[in-house]
N, C-alpha and C. Protein backbone atom coordinates (compact mmCIF):
# COMPACT_ATOMS: atom_id res chain seq x y z
N UNK A 1 0.83 -1.19 0.00
CA UNK A 1 0.00 0.00 0.00
C UNK A 1 0.87 1.25 0.00
N UNK A 2 0.27 2.33 -0.42
CA UNK A 2 0.95 3.62 -0.44
C UNK A 2 0.83 4.31 0.91
N UNK A 3 1.77 5.23 1.18
CA UNK A 3 1.82 5.91 2.47
C UNK A 3 0.50 6.61 2.82
N UNK A 4 -0.09 7.31 1.85
CA UNK A 4 -1.31 8.05 2.16
C UNK A 4 -2.46 7.11 2.54
N UNK A 5 -2.57 5.99 1.85
CA UNK A 5 -3.60 5.00 2.21
C UNK A 5 -3.35 4.48 3.63
N UNK A 6 -2.11 4.12 3.91
CA UNK A 6 -1.76 3.60 5.23
C UNK A 6 -1.97 4.65 6.31
N UNK A 7 -1.64 5.89 5.99
CA UNK A 7 -1.82 6.99 6.94
C UNK A 7 -3.30 7.09 7.34
N UNK A 8 -4.18 7.04 6.36
CA UNK A 8 -5.62 7.14 6.63
C UNK A 8 -6.12 5.95 7.45
N UNK A 9 -5.70 4.75 7.08
CA UNK A 9 -6.15 3.54 7.77
C UNK A 9 -5.69 3.55 9.22
N UNK A 10 -4.40 3.82 9.45
CA UNK A 10 -3.86 3.70 10.80
C UNK A 10 -4.23 4.87 11.71
N UNK A 11 -4.50 6.04 11.15
CA UNK A 11 -5.04 7.12 11.99
C UNK A 11 -6.41 6.71 12.52
N UNK A 12 -7.23 6.17 11.65
CA UNK A 12 -8.57 5.73 12.04
C UNK A 12 -8.50 4.62 13.08
N UNK A 13 -7.64 3.63 12.84
CA UNK A 13 -7.52 2.51 13.78
C UNK A 13 -6.99 2.98 15.14
N UNK A 14 -6.01 3.86 15.11
CA UNK A 14 -5.43 4.33 16.37
C UNK A 14 -6.44 5.17 17.15
N UNK A 15 -7.20 6.01 16.45
CA UNK A 15 -8.21 6.84 17.11
C UNK A 15 -9.33 6.00 17.71
N UNK A 16 -9.52 4.79 17.22
CA UNK A 16 -10.59 3.91 17.72
C UNK A 16 -10.21 3.21 19.02
N UNK A 17 -8.96 3.28 19.42
CA UNK A 17 -8.53 2.63 20.67
C UNK A 17 -9.11 3.40 21.85
N UNK A 18 -9.79 2.68 22.71
CA UNK A 18 -10.39 3.29 23.91
C UNK A 18 -9.29 3.66 24.91
N UNK A 19 -9.50 4.72 25.70
CA UNK A 19 -8.46 5.18 26.63
C UNK A 19 -7.96 4.10 27.59
N UNK A 20 -8.85 3.28 28.14
CA UNK A 20 -8.39 2.24 29.07
C UNK A 20 -7.58 1.17 28.35
N UNK A 21 -7.92 0.88 27.10
CA UNK A 21 -7.15 -0.08 26.30
C UNK A 21 -5.78 0.51 25.95
N UNK A 22 -5.75 1.80 25.65
CA UNK A 22 -4.50 2.48 25.31
C UNK A 22 -3.51 2.40 26.49
N UNK A 23 -4.01 2.58 27.71
CA UNK A 23 -3.15 2.47 28.89
C UNK A 23 -2.52 1.08 28.98
N UNK A 24 -3.30 0.05 28.73
CA UNK A 24 -2.79 -1.33 28.76
C UNK A 24 -1.75 -1.54 27.67
N UNK A 25 -2.05 -1.05 26.46
CA UNK A 25 -1.12 -1.23 25.34
C UNK A 25 0.20 -0.49 25.60
N UNK A 26 0.12 0.71 26.17
CA UNK A 26 1.34 1.46 26.51
C UNK A 26 2.17 0.69 27.54
N UNK A 27 1.51 0.12 28.54
CA UNK A 27 2.23 -0.67 29.55
C UNK A 27 2.90 -1.90 28.93
N UNK A 28 2.21 -2.55 28.01
CA UNK A 28 2.79 -3.72 27.33
C UNK A 28 4.00 -3.31 26.49
N UNK A 29 3.92 -2.14 25.84
CA UNK A 29 5.07 -1.65 25.07
C UNK A 29 6.24 -1.33 26.00
N UNK A 30 5.93 -0.79 27.18
CA UNK A 30 7.01 -0.50 28.13
C UNK A 30 7.73 -1.80 28.53
N UNK A 31 6.98 -2.87 28.74
CA UNK A 31 7.60 -4.15 29.06
C UNK A 31 8.52 -4.62 27.93
N UNK A 32 8.09 -4.45 26.70
CA UNK A 32 8.94 -4.80 25.55
C UNK A 32 10.17 -3.90 25.50
N UNK A 33 9.95 -2.60 25.69
CA UNK A 33 11.04 -1.61 25.65
C UNK A 33 12.12 -1.94 26.67
N UNK A 34 11.73 -2.44 27.82
CA UNK A 34 12.68 -2.76 28.89
C UNK A 34 13.58 -3.94 28.55
N UNK A 35 13.28 -4.66 27.49
CA UNK A 35 14.09 -5.82 27.10
C UNK A 35 15.38 -5.43 26.37
N UNK A 36 15.44 -4.21 25.86
CA UNK A 36 16.62 -3.78 25.10
C UNK A 36 17.70 -3.25 26.05
N UNK A 37 18.93 -3.22 25.56
CA UNK A 37 20.08 -2.76 26.35
C UNK A 37 20.34 -1.29 26.03
N UNK A 38 20.33 -0.45 27.06
CA UNK A 38 20.54 0.98 26.89
C UNK A 38 21.81 1.47 27.59
N UNK A 39 22.73 0.57 27.87
CA UNK A 39 23.91 0.93 28.66
C UNK A 39 24.82 1.95 27.97
N UNK A 40 24.79 2.03 26.65
CA UNK A 40 25.65 2.99 25.94
C UNK A 40 24.94 4.29 25.56
N UNK A 41 23.74 4.48 26.05
CA UNK A 41 22.96 5.67 25.71
C UNK A 41 23.31 6.80 26.67
N UNK A 42 23.63 7.94 26.09
CA UNK A 42 23.91 9.13 26.90
C UNK A 42 22.92 10.26 26.60
N UNK A 43 22.42 10.30 25.36
CA UNK A 43 21.50 11.36 24.96
C UNK A 43 20.33 10.78 24.19
N UNK A 44 19.13 11.08 24.67
CA UNK A 44 17.87 10.65 24.07
C UNK A 44 17.21 11.82 23.38
N UNK A 45 16.69 11.59 22.18
CA UNK A 45 15.86 12.56 21.48
C UNK A 45 14.46 11.98 21.45
N UNK A 46 13.55 12.59 22.19
CA UNK A 46 12.19 12.09 22.29
C UNK A 46 11.22 13.08 21.66
N UNK A 47 9.94 12.85 21.83
CA UNK A 47 8.93 13.79 21.36
C UNK A 47 7.74 13.75 22.32
N UNK A 48 6.99 14.83 22.34
CA UNK A 48 5.81 14.94 23.18
C UNK A 48 4.65 14.29 22.42
N UNK A 49 4.02 13.25 22.95
CA UNK A 49 2.93 12.60 22.22
C UNK A 49 1.73 13.54 22.08
N UNK A 50 1.19 13.58 20.88
CA UNK A 50 0.04 14.45 20.62
C UNK A 50 -1.24 13.74 21.09
N UNK A 51 -1.95 14.37 22.00
CA UNK A 51 -3.18 13.78 22.52
C UNK A 51 -4.23 13.55 21.45
N UNK A 52 -4.34 14.49 20.52
CA UNK A 52 -5.37 14.37 19.48
C UNK A 52 -5.02 13.34 18.41
N UNK A 53 -3.85 12.71 18.52
CA UNK A 53 -3.44 11.70 17.54
C UNK A 53 -3.32 10.31 18.16
N UNK A 54 -3.69 10.18 19.41
CA UNK A 54 -3.64 8.89 20.11
C UNK A 54 -2.28 8.22 20.00
N UNK A 55 -1.22 9.01 20.12
CA UNK A 55 0.13 8.45 20.02
C UNK A 55 0.49 7.68 21.28
N UNK A 56 1.39 6.70 21.16
CA UNK A 56 1.88 6.01 22.35
C UNK A 56 2.51 6.99 23.34
N UNK A 57 2.43 6.63 24.61
CA UNK A 57 2.91 7.50 25.68
C UNK A 57 4.43 7.40 25.81
N UNK A 58 5.15 8.23 25.09
CA UNK A 58 6.61 8.19 25.12
C UNK A 58 7.18 8.59 26.48
N UNK A 59 6.38 9.26 27.31
CA UNK A 59 6.86 9.62 28.64
C UNK A 59 7.18 8.37 29.46
N UNK A 60 6.43 7.30 29.28
CA UNK A 60 6.72 6.05 30.00
C UNK A 60 8.12 5.55 29.67
N UNK A 61 8.47 5.59 28.40
CA UNK A 61 9.76 5.06 27.95
C UNK A 61 10.92 5.96 28.37
N UNK A 62 10.72 7.27 28.25
CA UNK A 62 11.80 8.17 28.65
C UNK A 62 12.00 8.16 30.17
N UNK A 63 10.91 8.04 30.94
CA UNK A 63 11.05 7.95 32.41
C UNK A 63 11.81 6.69 32.80
N UNK A 64 11.50 5.59 32.14
CA UNK A 64 12.23 4.35 32.41
C UNK A 64 13.73 4.57 32.17
N UNK A 65 14.07 5.19 31.06
CA UNK A 65 15.49 5.44 30.76
C UNK A 65 16.14 6.33 31.81
N UNK A 66 15.43 7.33 32.29
CA UNK A 66 16.00 8.21 33.30
C UNK A 66 16.27 7.48 34.61
N UNK A 67 15.49 6.45 34.89
CA UNK A 67 15.73 5.65 36.10
C UNK A 67 16.88 4.68 35.92
N UNK A 68 17.16 4.28 34.70
CA UNK A 68 18.15 3.22 34.48
C UNK A 68 19.47 3.70 33.87
N UNK A 69 19.48 4.89 33.27
CA UNK A 69 20.70 5.40 32.62
C UNK A 69 21.19 6.62 33.40
N UNK A 70 22.35 6.48 34.00
CA UNK A 70 22.93 7.55 34.81
C UNK A 70 23.25 8.76 33.93
N UNK A 71 22.84 9.94 34.39
CA UNK A 71 23.12 11.22 33.71
C UNK A 71 22.58 11.30 32.28
N UNK A 72 21.49 10.64 32.01
CA UNK A 72 20.89 10.71 30.67
C UNK A 72 20.48 12.14 30.35
N UNK A 73 20.87 12.62 29.19
CA UNK A 73 20.40 13.90 28.68
C UNK A 73 19.22 13.62 27.75
N UNK A 74 18.23 14.50 27.78
CA UNK A 74 17.08 14.34 26.90
C UNK A 74 16.89 15.62 26.10
N UNK A 75 16.56 15.44 24.84
CA UNK A 75 16.27 16.57 23.96
C UNK A 75 14.91 16.34 23.30
N UNK A 76 14.27 17.44 22.95
CA UNK A 76 13.00 17.42 22.24
C UNK A 76 13.15 18.29 20.99
N UNK A 77 12.30 18.05 20.00
CA UNK A 77 12.42 18.82 18.76
C UNK A 77 11.78 20.20 18.84
N UNK A 78 12.39 21.11 18.10
CA UNK A 78 11.77 22.39 17.76
C UNK A 78 11.75 22.42 16.24
N UNK A 79 10.58 22.71 15.68
CA UNK A 79 10.39 22.64 14.23
C UNK A 79 10.54 24.02 13.62
N UNK A 80 11.26 24.07 12.51
CA UNK A 80 11.34 25.27 11.69
C UNK A 80 10.42 25.04 10.49
N UNK A 81 9.28 25.73 10.48
CA UNK A 81 8.28 25.49 9.44
C UNK A 81 8.63 26.15 8.11
N UNK A 82 9.63 27.03 8.11
CA UNK A 82 10.02 27.68 6.86
C UNK A 82 10.82 26.76 5.96
N UNK A 83 11.66 25.90 6.57
CA UNK A 83 12.46 24.99 5.75
C UNK A 83 12.21 23.51 6.10
N UNK A 84 11.14 23.26 6.88
CA UNK A 84 10.75 21.88 7.26
C UNK A 84 11.91 21.10 7.89
N UNK A 85 12.59 21.72 8.84
CA UNK A 85 13.67 21.05 9.56
C UNK A 85 13.38 21.09 11.05
N UNK A 86 14.15 20.31 11.80
CA UNK A 86 14.03 20.28 13.26
C UNK A 86 15.40 20.49 13.87
N UNK A 87 15.39 20.98 15.09
CA UNK A 87 16.60 21.06 15.90
C UNK A 87 16.34 20.35 17.22
N UNK A 88 17.40 19.82 17.82
CA UNK A 88 17.30 19.14 19.10
C UNK A 88 17.60 20.13 20.22
N UNK A 89 16.69 20.22 21.17
CA UNK A 89 16.82 21.15 22.28
C UNK A 89 16.85 20.36 23.58
N UNK A 90 17.88 20.58 24.39
CA UNK A 90 17.99 19.90 25.68
C UNK A 90 16.88 20.36 26.62
N UNK A 91 16.35 19.40 27.39
CA UNK A 91 15.30 19.70 28.36
C UNK A 91 15.69 19.12 29.71
N UNK A 92 14.99 19.59 30.74
CA UNK A 92 15.15 19.03 32.09
C UNK A 92 13.82 19.19 32.81
N UNK A 93 13.78 18.88 34.09
CA UNK A 93 12.52 18.92 34.83
C UNK A 93 11.96 20.33 34.97
N UNK A 94 12.77 21.35 34.72
CA UNK A 94 12.32 22.75 34.82
C UNK A 94 11.86 23.32 33.49
N UNK A 95 12.01 22.59 32.42
CA UNK A 95 11.70 23.10 31.08
C UNK A 95 10.22 23.47 30.95
N UNK A 96 9.97 24.61 30.34
CA UNK A 96 8.62 25.06 30.02
C UNK A 96 8.37 24.73 28.56
N UNK A 97 7.17 24.22 28.26
CA UNK A 97 6.81 23.84 26.89
C UNK A 97 5.68 24.73 26.40
N UNK A 98 5.70 25.00 25.10
CA UNK A 98 4.63 25.77 24.46
C UNK A 98 4.19 25.03 23.20
N UNK A 99 2.94 25.22 22.80
CA UNK A 99 2.42 24.56 21.61
C UNK A 99 2.82 25.35 20.36
N UNK A 100 3.30 24.63 19.33
CA UNK A 100 3.59 25.28 18.06
C UNK A 100 2.29 25.39 17.25
N UNK A 101 2.38 25.81 16.00
CA UNK A 101 1.17 26.06 15.21
C UNK A 101 0.38 24.78 14.91
N UNK A 102 0.99 23.60 15.06
CA UNK A 102 0.26 22.34 14.88
C UNK A 102 -0.22 21.76 16.21
N UNK A 103 -0.01 22.50 17.29
CA UNK A 103 -0.40 22.03 18.60
C UNK A 103 0.59 21.07 19.23
N UNK A 104 1.78 20.94 18.65
CA UNK A 104 2.82 20.06 19.17
C UNK A 104 3.61 20.84 20.22
N UNK A 105 3.79 20.23 21.37
CA UNK A 105 4.51 20.89 22.46
C UNK A 105 6.01 20.89 22.19
N UNK A 106 6.61 22.08 22.34
CA UNK A 106 8.04 22.26 22.13
C UNK A 106 8.64 23.00 23.33
N UNK A 107 9.93 22.76 23.60
CA UNK A 107 10.59 23.50 24.68
C UNK A 107 10.64 24.98 24.36
N UNK A 108 10.36 25.81 25.35
CA UNK A 108 10.40 27.26 25.16
C UNK A 108 11.84 27.75 25.11
N UNK A 109 12.67 27.25 26.02
CA UNK A 109 14.10 27.61 26.03
C UNK A 109 14.79 26.83 24.93
N UNK A 110 15.80 27.41 24.35
CA UNK A 110 16.44 26.78 23.20
C UNK A 110 17.92 26.53 23.43
N UNK A 111 18.23 25.47 24.16
CA UNK A 111 19.61 25.03 24.34
C UNK A 111 19.83 23.92 23.30
N UNK A 112 20.26 24.32 22.13
CA UNK A 112 20.34 23.41 20.98
C UNK A 112 21.59 22.55 21.08
N UNK A 113 21.43 21.26 20.77
CA UNK A 113 22.59 20.36 20.71
C UNK A 113 22.72 19.84 19.28
N UNK A 114 23.89 19.41 18.96
CA UNK A 114 24.19 18.87 17.63
C UNK A 114 23.56 17.48 17.50
N UNK A 115 22.98 17.21 16.35
CA UNK A 115 22.35 15.91 16.09
C UNK A 115 23.33 14.76 16.26
N UNK A 116 24.59 14.99 16.00
CA UNK A 116 25.61 13.94 16.08
C UNK A 116 25.82 13.45 17.52
N UNK A 117 25.39 14.24 18.51
CA UNK A 117 25.55 13.87 19.91
C UNK A 117 24.46 12.92 20.41
N UNK A 118 23.45 12.69 19.61
CA UNK A 118 22.29 11.89 20.03
C UNK A 118 22.57 10.41 19.81
N UNK A 119 22.25 9.61 20.82
CA UNK A 119 22.47 8.16 20.76
C UNK A 119 21.20 7.37 20.45
N UNK A 120 20.05 7.91 20.85
CA UNK A 120 18.77 7.20 20.72
C UNK A 120 17.69 8.20 20.33
N UNK A 121 16.90 7.84 19.31
CA UNK A 121 15.80 8.69 18.87
C UNK A 121 14.50 7.89 18.94
N UNK A 122 13.49 8.46 19.60
CA UNK A 122 12.13 7.93 19.52
C UNK A 122 11.50 8.59 18.30
N UNK A 123 11.08 7.77 17.35
CA UNK A 123 10.58 8.28 16.08
C UNK A 123 9.07 8.07 16.00
N UNK A 124 8.29 9.15 15.83
CA UNK A 124 6.84 8.98 15.72
C UNK A 124 6.45 8.30 14.41
N UNK A 125 5.35 7.57 14.46
CA UNK A 125 4.89 6.88 13.25
C UNK A 125 3.42 6.53 13.39
N UNK A 126 2.81 6.27 12.25
CA UNK A 126 1.45 5.75 12.21
C UNK A 126 1.46 4.25 11.97
N UNK A 127 2.40 3.79 11.13
CA UNK A 127 2.61 2.36 10.91
C UNK A 127 4.01 2.17 10.37
N UNK A 128 4.41 0.91 10.23
CA UNK A 128 5.75 0.59 9.75
C UNK A 128 5.68 -0.73 8.99
N UNK A 129 6.76 -1.01 8.22
CA UNK A 129 6.77 -2.27 7.47
C UNK A 129 7.88 -3.19 7.94
N UNK A 130 7.94 -4.36 7.34
CA UNK A 130 8.89 -5.39 7.76
C UNK A 130 10.34 -5.03 7.45
N UNK A 131 10.57 -3.95 6.70
CA UNK A 131 11.92 -3.48 6.39
C UNK A 131 12.35 -2.33 7.30
N UNK A 132 11.49 -1.94 8.24
CA UNK A 132 11.83 -0.86 9.15
C UNK A 132 11.44 0.52 8.67
N UNK A 133 10.81 0.60 7.50
CA UNK A 133 10.35 1.91 7.02
C UNK A 133 9.03 2.24 7.69
N UNK A 134 8.78 3.53 7.86
CA UNK A 134 7.59 3.95 8.59
C UNK A 134 6.77 4.94 7.79
N UNK A 135 5.53 5.06 8.18
CA UNK A 135 4.66 6.11 7.67
C UNK A 135 4.49 7.09 8.82
N UNK A 136 4.96 8.31 8.60
CA UNK A 136 4.79 9.37 9.59
C UNK A 136 3.62 10.24 9.20
N UNK A 137 3.73 11.51 9.52
CA UNK A 137 2.62 12.43 9.26
C UNK A 137 2.75 13.17 7.93
N UNK A 138 3.82 12.90 7.19
CA UNK A 138 3.89 13.37 5.81
C UNK A 138 4.71 14.60 5.53
N UNK A 139 5.35 15.18 6.52
CA UNK A 139 6.14 16.40 6.28
C UNK A 139 7.63 16.13 6.09
N UNK A 140 8.11 14.96 6.49
CA UNK A 140 9.51 14.61 6.29
C UNK A 140 10.47 15.17 7.32
N UNK A 141 9.96 15.75 8.42
CA UNK A 141 10.83 16.34 9.43
C UNK A 141 11.82 15.33 9.98
N UNK A 142 11.31 14.16 10.36
CA UNK A 142 12.18 13.18 11.01
C UNK A 142 13.18 12.56 10.06
N UNK A 143 12.80 12.28 8.83
CA UNK A 143 13.77 11.71 7.89
C UNK A 143 14.92 12.68 7.63
N UNK A 144 14.62 13.96 7.50
CA UNK A 144 15.68 14.96 7.31
C UNK A 144 16.57 15.03 8.55
N UNK A 145 15.95 15.00 9.72
CA UNK A 145 16.71 15.08 10.96
C UNK A 145 17.60 13.85 11.13
N UNK A 146 17.03 12.66 10.92
CA UNK A 146 17.78 11.41 11.11
C UNK A 146 18.95 11.30 10.15
N UNK A 147 18.80 11.87 8.97
CA UNK A 147 19.90 11.85 7.99
C UNK A 147 21.10 12.65 8.49
N UNK A 148 20.89 13.58 9.42
CA UNK A 148 21.97 14.40 9.97
C UNK A 148 22.61 13.78 11.22
N UNK A 149 21.96 12.78 11.79
CA UNK A 149 22.48 12.15 13.01
C UNK A 149 23.68 11.27 12.68
N UNK A 150 24.40 10.85 13.73
CA UNK A 150 25.54 9.97 13.49
C UNK A 150 25.04 8.61 13.01
N UNK A 151 25.91 7.89 12.33
CA UNK A 151 25.50 6.64 11.70
C UNK A 151 25.15 5.54 12.69
N UNK A 152 25.52 5.70 13.96
CA UNK A 152 25.27 4.68 14.97
C UNK A 152 24.04 4.98 15.84
N UNK A 153 23.34 6.07 15.54
CA UNK A 153 22.17 6.42 16.33
C UNK A 153 21.14 5.29 16.24
N UNK A 154 20.51 4.99 17.37
CA UNK A 154 19.48 3.96 17.42
C UNK A 154 18.13 4.64 17.26
N UNK A 155 17.35 4.15 16.31
CA UNK A 155 16.05 4.73 16.01
C UNK A 155 14.96 3.72 16.39
N UNK A 156 14.09 4.13 17.32
CA UNK A 156 13.03 3.26 17.81
C UNK A 156 11.68 3.90 17.56
N UNK A 157 10.77 3.13 16.97
CA UNK A 157 9.38 3.54 16.82
C UNK A 157 8.51 2.73 17.76
N UNK A 158 7.31 3.23 18.02
CA UNK A 158 6.35 2.56 18.88
C UNK A 158 5.02 2.49 18.13
N UNK A 159 4.44 1.30 18.09
CA UNK A 159 3.18 1.13 17.35
C UNK A 159 2.25 0.20 18.11
N UNK A 160 0.98 0.54 18.11
CA UNK A 160 -0.02 -0.35 18.71
C UNK A 160 -0.32 -1.54 17.80
N UNK A 161 0.16 -1.48 16.57
CA UNK A 161 -0.17 -2.50 15.57
C UNK A 161 1.08 -3.17 15.03
N UNK A 162 0.92 -4.38 14.52
CA UNK A 162 2.03 -5.10 13.91
C UNK A 162 2.41 -4.46 12.57
N UNK A 163 3.55 -4.88 12.05
CA UNK A 163 4.06 -4.35 10.79
C UNK A 163 3.16 -4.71 9.63
N UNK A 164 3.09 -3.79 8.65
CA UNK A 164 2.52 -4.13 7.35
C UNK A 164 3.64 -4.79 6.56
N UNK A 165 3.29 -5.52 5.53
CA UNK A 165 4.33 -6.23 4.78
C UNK A 165 5.31 -5.26 4.12
N UNK A 166 4.76 -4.27 3.39
CA UNK A 166 5.65 -3.36 2.66
C UNK A 166 4.96 -2.03 2.42
N UNK A 167 5.70 -0.94 2.59
CA UNK A 167 5.24 0.38 2.19
C UNK A 167 5.72 0.57 0.76
N UNK A 168 4.79 0.59 -0.17
CA UNK A 168 5.14 0.56 -1.59
C UNK A 168 5.87 1.80 -2.09
N UNK A 169 5.62 2.95 -1.48
CA UNK A 169 6.28 4.16 -1.98
C UNK A 169 7.38 4.67 -1.05
N UNK A 170 8.00 3.77 -0.27
CA UNK A 170 9.21 4.15 0.48
C UNK A 170 10.27 4.56 -0.54
N UNK A 171 11.09 5.55 -0.20
CA UNK A 171 12.09 6.03 -1.16
C UNK A 171 13.45 6.21 -0.51
N UNK A 172 14.43 6.68 -1.28
CA UNK A 172 15.81 6.78 -0.81
C UNK A 172 15.99 7.82 0.29
N UNK A 173 15.01 8.71 0.50
CA UNK A 173 15.12 9.71 1.55
C UNK A 173 14.53 9.22 2.88
N UNK A 174 13.84 8.10 2.85
CA UNK A 174 13.26 7.53 4.06
C UNK A 174 14.35 6.82 4.86
N UNK A 175 14.42 7.12 6.14
CA UNK A 175 15.43 6.52 7.01
C UNK A 175 14.75 5.41 7.82
N UNK A 176 15.21 4.16 7.68
CA UNK A 176 14.54 3.07 8.40
C UNK A 176 14.88 3.08 9.90
N UNK A 177 13.99 2.46 10.65
CA UNK A 177 14.17 2.28 12.09
C UNK A 177 15.16 1.15 12.35
N UNK A 178 15.70 1.11 13.55
CA UNK A 178 16.46 -0.05 14.02
C UNK A 178 15.53 -1.03 14.72
N UNK A 179 14.54 -0.47 15.44
CA UNK A 179 13.58 -1.27 16.18
C UNK A 179 12.20 -0.62 16.09
N UNK A 180 11.17 -1.44 16.13
CA UNK A 180 9.83 -0.94 16.38
C UNK A 180 9.22 -1.82 17.45
N UNK A 181 8.69 -1.17 18.44
CA UNK A 181 8.14 -1.88 19.59
C UNK A 181 6.62 -1.84 19.53
N UNK A 182 6.02 -3.00 19.62
CA UNK A 182 4.57 -3.13 19.68
C UNK A 182 4.22 -3.76 21.03
N UNK A 183 2.95 -3.82 21.40
CA UNK A 183 2.60 -4.47 22.66
C UNK A 183 2.98 -5.95 22.71
N UNK A 184 3.08 -6.59 21.54
CA UNK A 184 3.34 -8.03 21.51
C UNK A 184 4.80 -8.40 21.29
N UNK A 185 5.57 -7.52 20.64
CA UNK A 185 6.93 -7.91 20.30
C UNK A 185 7.81 -6.73 19.94
N UNK A 186 9.10 -7.04 19.79
CA UNK A 186 10.09 -6.08 19.30
C UNK A 186 10.48 -6.51 17.90
N UNK A 187 10.32 -5.62 16.95
CA UNK A 187 10.81 -5.85 15.59
C UNK A 187 12.22 -5.27 15.51
N UNK A 188 13.15 -6.04 14.98
CA UNK A 188 14.52 -5.56 14.81
C UNK A 188 14.83 -5.57 13.32
N UNK A 189 15.41 -4.46 12.83
CA UNK A 189 15.68 -4.34 11.39
C UNK A 189 17.19 -4.23 11.14
């Protein structure tokens, strides 16, 4: 299937998940997430889950890392809508967040770090395929950003659903994931 078809299907399916079921699915993904080794991670690039998109609760995963990885640094994206790029901004417990024009929460303070310093990226997605390619929201922010990261960066997606066989219109600019975590299993690519 093509990305736009998959985008429509998986937005609808994700929005149909009831809140109490979503809590269970997030907890199951956390159990899967805990199976991976994070001993070499020093800097995490995460994102604020959008409530209106029924995204997995990335706060569960980042909190787990903060408990298990000594001195973990965390960064969140700030989007530049003029050139469709993102920058990584360091955050801490004192960080204030504001909504951008799409309603996505971003850090107000801008302590920007170089993409090459990031060891682990949580990558948003609507669905993914057996080759590690994903369908995002269609603007290409993450693929551009990931192309600038170091070649050893670990890219993890989270999905309530299993992989589709193939995204037919994946292209050379799409950056595949290393892992995608679902409530039932970890996909490794």
